[in-house]
N, C-alpha and C. Protein backbone atom coordinates (compact mmCIF):
# COMPACT_ATOMS: atom_id res chain seq x y z
N MET A 1 -20.67 18.00 0.81
CA MET A 1 -19.31 17.78 1.26
C MET A 1 -18.44 18.89 0.68
N SER A 2 -17.66 19.49 1.54
CA SER A 2 -16.85 20.62 1.12
C SER A 2 -15.57 20.15 0.42
N PRO A 3 -14.94 21.03 -0.34
CA PRO A 3 -13.68 20.66 -0.99
C PRO A 3 -12.58 20.29 0.02
N GLU A 4 -12.59 20.90 1.19
CA GLU A 4 -11.59 20.57 2.21
C GLU A 4 -11.77 19.14 2.70
N GLN A 5 -13.02 18.72 2.87
CA GLN A 5 -13.29 17.35 3.31
C GLN A 5 -12.86 16.34 2.25
N ILE A 6 -13.16 16.64 1.01
CA ILE A 6 -12.77 15.75 -0.08
C ILE A 6 -11.25 15.67 -0.18
N THR A 7 -10.59 16.81 -0.04
CA THR A 7 -9.12 16.84 -0.07
C THR A 7 -8.54 16.00 1.06
N HIS A 8 -9.15 16.10 2.23
CA HIS A 8 -8.68 15.32 3.38
C HIS A 8 -8.84 13.82 3.11
N ILE A 9 -9.98 13.42 2.58
CA ILE A 9 -10.23 12.00 2.29
C ILE A 9 -9.24 11.49 1.24
N VAL A 10 -9.03 12.26 0.18
CA VAL A 10 -8.09 11.85 -0.87
C VAL A 10 -6.67 11.76 -0.32
N ARG A 11 -6.28 12.73 0.50
CA ARG A 11 -4.94 12.71 1.09
C ARG A 11 -4.75 11.48 1.97
N GLU A 12 -5.74 11.17 2.81
CA GLU A 12 -5.65 10.00 3.67
C GLU A 12 -5.62 8.70 2.86
N THR A 13 -6.39 8.67 1.76
CA THR A 13 -6.40 7.48 0.90
C THR A 13 -5.04 7.26 0.27
N LEU A 14 -4.45 8.31 -0.28
CA LEU A 14 -3.14 8.19 -0.92
C LEU A 14 -2.05 7.84 0.10
N TYR A 15 -2.13 8.43 1.28
CA TYR A 15 -1.15 8.13 2.32
C TYR A 15 -1.25 6.66 2.74
N THR A 16 -2.47 6.17 2.92
CA THR A 16 -2.65 4.77 3.31
C THR A 16 -2.17 3.83 2.22
N ALA A 17 -2.48 4.15 0.96
CA ALA A 17 -2.02 3.30 -0.16
C ALA A 17 -0.50 3.28 -0.23
N LEU A 18 0.14 4.42 -0.04
CA LEU A 18 1.60 4.47 -0.06
C LEU A 18 2.19 3.71 1.11
N GLU A 19 1.57 3.83 2.27
CA GLU A 19 2.05 3.13 3.46
C GLU A 19 1.95 1.61 3.29
N ILE A 20 0.89 1.15 2.63
CA ILE A 20 0.73 -0.28 2.40
C ILE A 20 1.70 -0.78 1.32
N ALA A 21 1.93 0.03 0.29
CA ALA A 21 2.78 -0.40 -0.83
C ALA A 21 4.27 -0.24 -0.55
N ALA A 22 4.64 0.60 0.40
CA ALA A 22 6.05 0.92 0.64
C ALA A 22 6.94 -0.30 0.91
N PRO A 23 6.54 -1.24 1.76
CA PRO A 23 7.44 -2.38 1.98
C PRO A 23 7.72 -3.17 0.71
N PHE A 24 6.72 -3.31 -0.15
CA PHE A 24 6.91 -4.07 -1.39
C PHE A 24 7.78 -3.31 -2.38
N LEU A 25 7.59 -2.01 -2.46
CA LEU A 25 8.41 -1.21 -3.36
C LEU A 25 9.88 -1.22 -2.93
N LEU A 26 10.11 -1.06 -1.64
CA LEU A 26 11.49 -1.09 -1.14
C LEU A 26 12.13 -2.46 -1.32
N LEU A 27 11.37 -3.51 -1.05
CA LEU A 27 11.91 -4.86 -1.21
C LEU A 27 12.24 -5.14 -2.68
N ALA A 28 11.35 -4.75 -3.59
CA ALA A 28 11.62 -4.96 -5.02
C ALA A 28 12.85 -4.17 -5.46
N LEU A 29 13.02 -2.97 -4.92
CA LEU A 29 14.19 -2.17 -5.24
C LEU A 29 15.47 -2.83 -4.74
N ILE A 30 15.46 -3.29 -3.51
CA ILE A 30 16.66 -3.91 -2.93
C ILE A 30 17.01 -5.20 -3.65
N VAL A 31 16.01 -6.05 -3.88
CA VAL A 31 16.28 -7.32 -4.57
C VAL A 31 16.74 -7.06 -5.99
N GLY A 32 16.13 -6.09 -6.67
CA GLY A 32 16.55 -5.76 -8.03
C GLY A 32 17.98 -5.27 -8.09
N LEU A 33 18.37 -4.44 -7.12
CA LEU A 33 19.75 -3.96 -7.09
C LEU A 33 20.74 -5.09 -6.81
N LEU A 34 20.39 -5.98 -5.87
CA LEU A 34 21.27 -7.10 -5.56
C LEU A 34 21.42 -8.05 -6.75
N VAL A 35 20.32 -8.34 -7.42
CA VAL A 35 20.38 -9.23 -8.58
C VAL A 35 21.18 -8.57 -9.70
N SER A 36 20.99 -7.28 -9.91
CA SER A 36 21.75 -6.58 -10.94
C SER A 36 23.24 -6.58 -10.62
N LEU A 37 23.56 -6.42 -9.35
CA LEU A 37 24.96 -6.47 -8.94
C LEU A 37 25.57 -7.84 -9.21
N VAL A 38 24.84 -8.89 -8.87
CA VAL A 38 25.32 -10.25 -9.13
C VAL A 38 25.45 -10.50 -10.62
N GLN A 39 24.47 -10.03 -11.40
CA GLN A 39 24.53 -10.21 -12.85
C GLN A 39 25.72 -9.48 -13.46
N SER A 40 25.99 -8.29 -12.97
CA SER A 40 27.12 -7.55 -13.54
C SER A 40 28.46 -8.16 -13.13
N MET A 41 28.51 -8.74 -11.93
CA MET A 41 29.76 -9.37 -11.48
C MET A 41 30.02 -10.68 -12.22
N THR A 42 28.96 -11.42 -12.52
CA THR A 42 29.14 -12.71 -13.20
C THR A 42 28.97 -12.61 -14.71
N GLN A 43 28.57 -11.46 -15.19
CA GLN A 43 28.32 -11.21 -16.61
C GLN A 43 27.27 -12.14 -17.20
N ILE A 44 26.31 -12.51 -16.38
CA ILE A 44 25.16 -13.30 -16.85
C ILE A 44 24.01 -12.32 -17.04
N GLN A 45 23.49 -12.24 -18.25
CA GLN A 45 22.42 -11.29 -18.55
C GLN A 45 21.13 -12.03 -18.92
N GLU A 46 20.66 -12.84 -18.00
CA GLU A 46 19.44 -13.61 -18.22
C GLU A 46 18.27 -12.88 -17.56
N MET A 47 17.20 -12.64 -18.32
CA MET A 47 16.06 -11.88 -17.81
C MET A 47 15.32 -12.62 -16.69
N THR A 48 15.23 -13.95 -16.80
CA THR A 48 14.52 -14.69 -15.75
C THR A 48 15.29 -14.65 -14.44
N LEU A 49 16.59 -14.48 -14.51
CA LEU A 49 17.38 -14.38 -13.29
C LEU A 49 17.03 -13.10 -12.52
N ALA A 50 16.62 -12.08 -13.21
CA ALA A 50 16.21 -10.84 -12.55
C ALA A 50 14.76 -10.91 -12.09
N PHE A 51 13.93 -11.67 -12.78
CA PHE A 51 12.50 -11.69 -12.50
C PHE A 51 12.13 -12.63 -11.35
N VAL A 52 12.66 -13.83 -11.37
CA VAL A 52 12.27 -14.87 -10.41
C VAL A 52 12.60 -14.48 -8.96
N PRO A 53 13.79 -13.98 -8.64
CA PRO A 53 14.05 -13.61 -7.24
C PRO A 53 13.12 -12.51 -6.73
N LYS A 54 12.78 -11.56 -7.59
CA LYS A 54 11.85 -10.50 -7.17
C LYS A 54 10.49 -11.08 -6.85
N MET A 55 10.00 -11.97 -7.70
CA MET A 55 8.68 -12.57 -7.48
C MET A 55 8.67 -13.41 -6.21
N LEU A 56 9.74 -14.17 -5.98
CA LEU A 56 9.80 -14.98 -4.76
C LEU A 56 9.87 -14.10 -3.51
N ALA A 57 10.66 -13.04 -3.58
CA ALA A 57 10.77 -12.13 -2.43
C ALA A 57 9.44 -11.42 -2.16
N LEU A 58 8.76 -11.00 -3.22
CA LEU A 58 7.48 -10.32 -3.03
C LEU A 58 6.40 -11.27 -2.54
N ALA A 59 6.44 -12.52 -2.98
CA ALA A 59 5.48 -13.51 -2.47
C ALA A 59 5.72 -13.78 -0.99
N ALA A 60 6.98 -13.87 -0.59
CA ALA A 60 7.30 -14.06 0.82
C ALA A 60 6.89 -12.84 1.64
N ALA A 61 7.13 -11.65 1.10
CA ALA A 61 6.74 -10.43 1.81
C ALA A 61 5.22 -10.34 1.94
N LEU A 62 4.50 -10.76 0.92
CA LEU A 62 3.04 -10.75 1.00
C LEU A 62 2.56 -11.68 2.10
N ALA A 63 3.18 -12.85 2.20
CA ALA A 63 2.80 -13.78 3.26
C ALA A 63 3.10 -13.20 4.65
N ILE A 64 4.18 -12.46 4.75
CA ILE A 64 4.57 -11.89 6.05
C ILE A 64 3.74 -10.66 6.38
N PHE A 65 3.57 -9.75 5.41
CA PHE A 65 2.93 -8.46 5.67
C PHE A 65 1.42 -8.44 5.48
N PHE A 66 0.81 -9.53 5.00
CA PHE A 66 -0.62 -9.49 4.70
C PHE A 66 -1.48 -9.15 5.92
N PRO A 67 -1.23 -9.73 7.11
CA PRO A 67 -2.06 -9.33 8.26
C PRO A 67 -1.95 -7.83 8.57
N TRP A 68 -0.75 -7.30 8.47
CA TRP A 68 -0.56 -5.87 8.72
C TRP A 68 -1.27 -5.03 7.65
N MET A 69 -1.17 -5.46 6.38
CA MET A 69 -1.84 -4.73 5.30
C MET A 69 -3.35 -4.74 5.50
N LEU A 70 -3.89 -5.89 5.86
CA LEU A 70 -5.33 -6.00 6.08
C LEU A 70 -5.76 -5.13 7.25
N LYS A 71 -4.96 -5.09 8.30
CA LYS A 71 -5.26 -4.24 9.46
C LYS A 71 -5.27 -2.77 9.07
N MET A 72 -4.28 -2.34 8.28
CA MET A 72 -4.21 -0.94 7.86
C MET A 72 -5.40 -0.56 6.98
N ALA A 73 -5.74 -1.42 6.02
CA ALA A 73 -6.86 -1.14 5.12
C ALA A 73 -8.18 -1.14 5.88
N THR A 74 -8.34 -2.07 6.81
CA THR A 74 -9.57 -2.14 7.60
C THR A 74 -9.70 -0.91 8.50
N LYS A 75 -8.59 -0.50 9.10
CA LYS A 75 -8.61 0.69 9.97
C LYS A 75 -8.98 1.94 9.17
N PHE A 76 -8.40 2.07 7.98
CA PHE A 76 -8.73 3.22 7.13
C PHE A 76 -10.20 3.21 6.74
N THR A 77 -10.70 2.06 6.31
CA THR A 77 -12.10 1.96 5.90
C THR A 77 -13.03 2.22 7.07
N HIS A 78 -12.70 1.69 8.23
CA HIS A 78 -13.53 1.91 9.42
C HIS A 78 -13.59 3.40 9.76
N ASN A 79 -12.43 4.06 9.76
CA ASN A 79 -12.41 5.49 10.06
C ASN A 79 -13.19 6.30 9.04
N LEU A 80 -13.10 5.90 7.78
CA LEU A 80 -13.85 6.60 6.73
C LEU A 80 -15.35 6.43 6.93
N TRP A 81 -15.78 5.20 7.20
CA TRP A 81 -17.21 4.95 7.42
C TRP A 81 -17.71 5.68 8.66
N ILE A 82 -16.94 5.67 9.73
CA ILE A 82 -17.36 6.35 10.96
C ILE A 82 -17.50 7.85 10.71
N SER A 83 -16.55 8.45 10.03
CA SER A 83 -16.63 9.90 9.78
C SER A 83 -17.82 10.24 8.90
N GLN A 84 -18.09 9.41 7.91
CA GLN A 84 -19.24 9.68 7.04
C GLN A 84 -20.55 9.42 7.78
N TRP A 85 -20.58 8.40 8.64
CA TRP A 85 -21.79 8.10 9.39
C TRP A 85 -22.14 9.25 10.33
N GLU A 86 -21.14 9.84 10.96
CA GLU A 86 -21.39 10.98 11.84
C GLU A 86 -21.98 12.15 11.07
N LYS A 87 -21.54 12.36 9.85
CA LYS A 87 -22.09 13.44 9.03
C LYS A 87 -23.53 13.15 8.64
N VAL A 88 -23.82 11.89 8.32
CA VAL A 88 -25.19 11.52 7.93
C VAL A 88 -26.13 11.67 9.12
N THR A 89 -25.72 11.19 10.29
CA THR A 89 -26.60 11.29 11.46
C THR A 89 -26.82 12.74 11.87
N SER A 90 -25.81 13.57 11.77
CA SER A 90 -26.00 14.99 12.10
C SER A 90 -26.92 15.66 11.09
N LEU A 91 -26.84 15.26 9.83
CA LEU A 91 -27.74 15.80 8.81
C LEU A 91 -29.18 15.36 9.06
N VAL A 92 -29.38 14.11 9.44
CA VAL A 92 -30.72 13.60 9.73
C VAL A 92 -31.30 14.32 10.94
N GLN A 93 -30.50 14.54 11.97
CA GLN A 93 -30.98 15.27 13.14
C GLN A 93 -31.31 16.71 12.78
N TYR A 94 -30.57 17.29 11.88
CA TYR A 94 -30.83 18.66 11.46
C TYR A 94 -32.15 18.74 10.71
N VAL A 95 -32.44 17.74 9.87
CA VAL A 95 -33.67 17.73 9.08
C VAL A 95 -34.88 17.53 9.98
N GLN A 96 -34.76 16.70 11.00
CA GLN A 96 -35.89 16.45 11.89
C GLN A 96 -36.10 17.66 12.75
């Protein structure tokens, strides 16, 4: 396997991981900012008040986005296996 092929696989892996994680990262950022805004307006500095809404929002997002996440991960894995299988079969044909 050439360095270009390895670079391509690593790039696709990182892109897929970022694409899957992006909704959760953005949601945690938005909820964190909103909770911080409410805390600063009410002058309540309770740590659980910042933690619990994020966890509830992320749990809800996981329930909503899980089919999409599974589809993305399955598609990536399928494409990876197909590309590697084509290389193996071409190598076997070359050896025969």
